Amino acid sequence: MPYISDKLIVTKKYDRRYKLTDNQRNNIKRLYKQGLTIRTIARIYQDSCCRRNIQFILFPERAKHVNANSNAQRNVNNKQHAEYMRNHRRYKYNLYKEGKI
C-alpha cells in the first residue's frame, strides 16, 4: 500500500534538493556578468552551496556532462537507500501534517 507522502508534491520552497532559490541563481548570473570570479561568488554563497554548484548554474552543459557520466547510483546500497527513503517520507508527511503542502 503506498504511503500518503508518495502522492504529495513538494514545492521548491520545501524541496531539500534545491540549495538555492531562483532569485539567488539569477543573482549569481548577474554577479558573474559583472566580472566577479566563480571563486568569489562561491565565497559569497559558501553557506548555501559549493563552487562546483556555482559552475553548474553558470554553465549547465557541465552539469549535463557530469550527470551523464555519474557513478553516484552505484555507491548507495539497498539498506542506505531504504533509510534515505524512510527519512524523506517522514519529512514529506510532517510537511503535510503542518499544512505546508
Protein backbone atom coordinates (compact mmCIF):
# COMPACT_ATOMS: atom_id res chain seq x y z
CA MET A 1 0.00 0.00 0.00
CA PRO A 2 1.52 3.33 -0.99
CA TYR A 3 2.41 5.93 1.58
CA ILE A 4 0.35 9.12 1.65
CA SER A 5 3.59 11.08 1.31
CA ASP A 6 4.39 9.38 -2.02
CA LYS A 7 1.46 11.18 -3.65
CA LEU A 8 2.27 14.60 -2.18
CA ILE A 9 4.02 17.15 -4.35
CA VAL A 10 6.56 19.29 -2.52
CA THR A 11 7.11 22.85 -3.75
CA LYS A 12 10.60 24.21 -4.36
CA LYS A 13 10.44 26.06 -1.06
CA TYR A 14 10.39 22.81 0.93
CA ASP A 15 12.18 20.51 -1.51
CA ARG A 16 15.56 19.74 0.04
CA ARG A 17 17.17 19.01 -3.32
CA TYR A 18 17.23 22.73 -4.15
CA LYS A 19 20.11 24.54 -2.49
CA LEU A 20 19.40 28.00 -3.93
CA THR A 21 16.29 29.96 -4.75
CA ASP A 22 15.59 31.28 -8.24
CA ASN A 23 16.48 34.79 -7.06
CA GLN A 24 19.85 33.60 -5.78
CA ARG A 25 20.52 31.82 -9.10
CA ASN A 26 19.72 35.00 -11.03
CA ASN A 27 21.94 36.98 -8.68
CA ILE A 28 24.83 34.56 -9.29
CA LYS A 29 24.47 35.01 -13.06
CA ARG A 30 24.33 38.79 -12.64
CA LEU A 31 27.46 38.84 -10.45
CA TYR A 32 29.34 36.72 -12.98
CA LYS A 33 28.35 39.07 -15.82
CA GLN A 34 29.62 41.99 -13.72
CA GLY A 35 33.07 40.39 -13.68
CA LEU A 36 33.26 38.53 -10.38
CA THR A 37 35.07 35.22 -10.49
CA ILE A 38 33.40 31.91 -9.68
CA ARG A 39 35.56 31.56 -6.59
CA THR A 40 34.49 34.98 -5.29
CA ILE A 41 30.83 34.20 -5.88
CA ALA A 42 31.27 30.85 -4.11
CA ARG A 43 32.65 32.68 -1.08
CA ILE A 44 29.54 34.86 -1.01
CA TYR A 45 27.29 31.78 -1.10
CA GLN A 46 29.51 29.46 0.94
CA ASP A 47 26.73 28.69 3.44
CA SER A 48 24.33 27.59 0.68
CA CYS A 49 26.39 25.77 -1.91
CA CYS A 50 29.87 24.97 -3.18
CA ARG A 51 31.94 26.35 -6.04
CA ARG A 52 31.05 23.42 -8.27
CA ASN A 53 27.36 24.19 -7.88
CA ILE A 54 28.06 27.79 -8.96
CA GLN A 55 29.75 26.42 -12.08
CA PHE A 56 26.74 24.26 -12.85
CA ILE A 57 24.45 27.29 -12.58
CA LEU A 58 26.62 29.36 -14.90
CA PHE A 59 27.45 26.53 -17.33
CA PRO A 60 24.58 23.98 -17.40
CA GLU A 61 26.32 21.91 -20.08
CA ARG A 62 28.93 20.92 -17.47
CA ALA A 63 26.21 19.57 -15.20
CA LYS A 64 24.73 17.53 -18.06
CA HIS A 65 28.14 16.06 -18.83
CA VAL A 66 28.77 15.12 -15.20
CA ASN A 67 25.31 13.64 -14.73
CA ALA A 68 25.69 11.54 -17.85
CA ASN A 69 28.93 10.01 -16.54
CA SER A 70 27.96 9.79 -12.87
CA ASN A 71 28.57 6.71 -10.78
CA ALA A 72 26.62 8.08 -7.81
CA GLN A 73 23.88 5.45 -8.02
CA ARG A 74 26.41 2.64 -7.70
CA ASN A 75 27.72 3.89 -4.35
CA VAL A 76 24.45 3.52 -2.41
CA ASN A 77 23.48 0.09 -1.16
CA ASN A 78 19.91 -1.09 -0.58
CA LYS A 79 19.91 -0.50 3.18
CA GLN A 80 21.16 3.07 2.80
CA HIS A 81 18.62 3.76 0.08
CA ALA A 82 15.79 2.39 2.22
CA GLU A 83 16.87 4.63 5.11
CA TYR A 84 17.05 7.70 2.85
CA MET A 85 13.56 6.99 1.52
CA ARG A 86 12.19 6.48 5.04
CA ASN A 87 13.59 9.83 6.13
CA HIS A 88 12.27 11.53 3.00
CA ARG A 89 8.77 10.13 3.52
CA ARG A 90 8.79 11.27 7.15
CA TYR A 91 9.87 14.75 6.09
CA LYS A 92 7.07 15.00 3.50
CA TYR A 93 4.50 13.61 5.92
CA ASN A 94 5.49 16.17 8.56
CA LEU A 95 5.09 18.95 5.99
CA TYR A 96 1.66 17.55 5.20
CA LYS A 97 0.66 17.45 8.87
CA GLU A 98 1.83 21.05 9.36
CA GLY A 99 -0.27 22.14 6.36
CA LYS A 100 2.68 23.36 4.31
CA ILE A 101 1.85 21.14 1.33
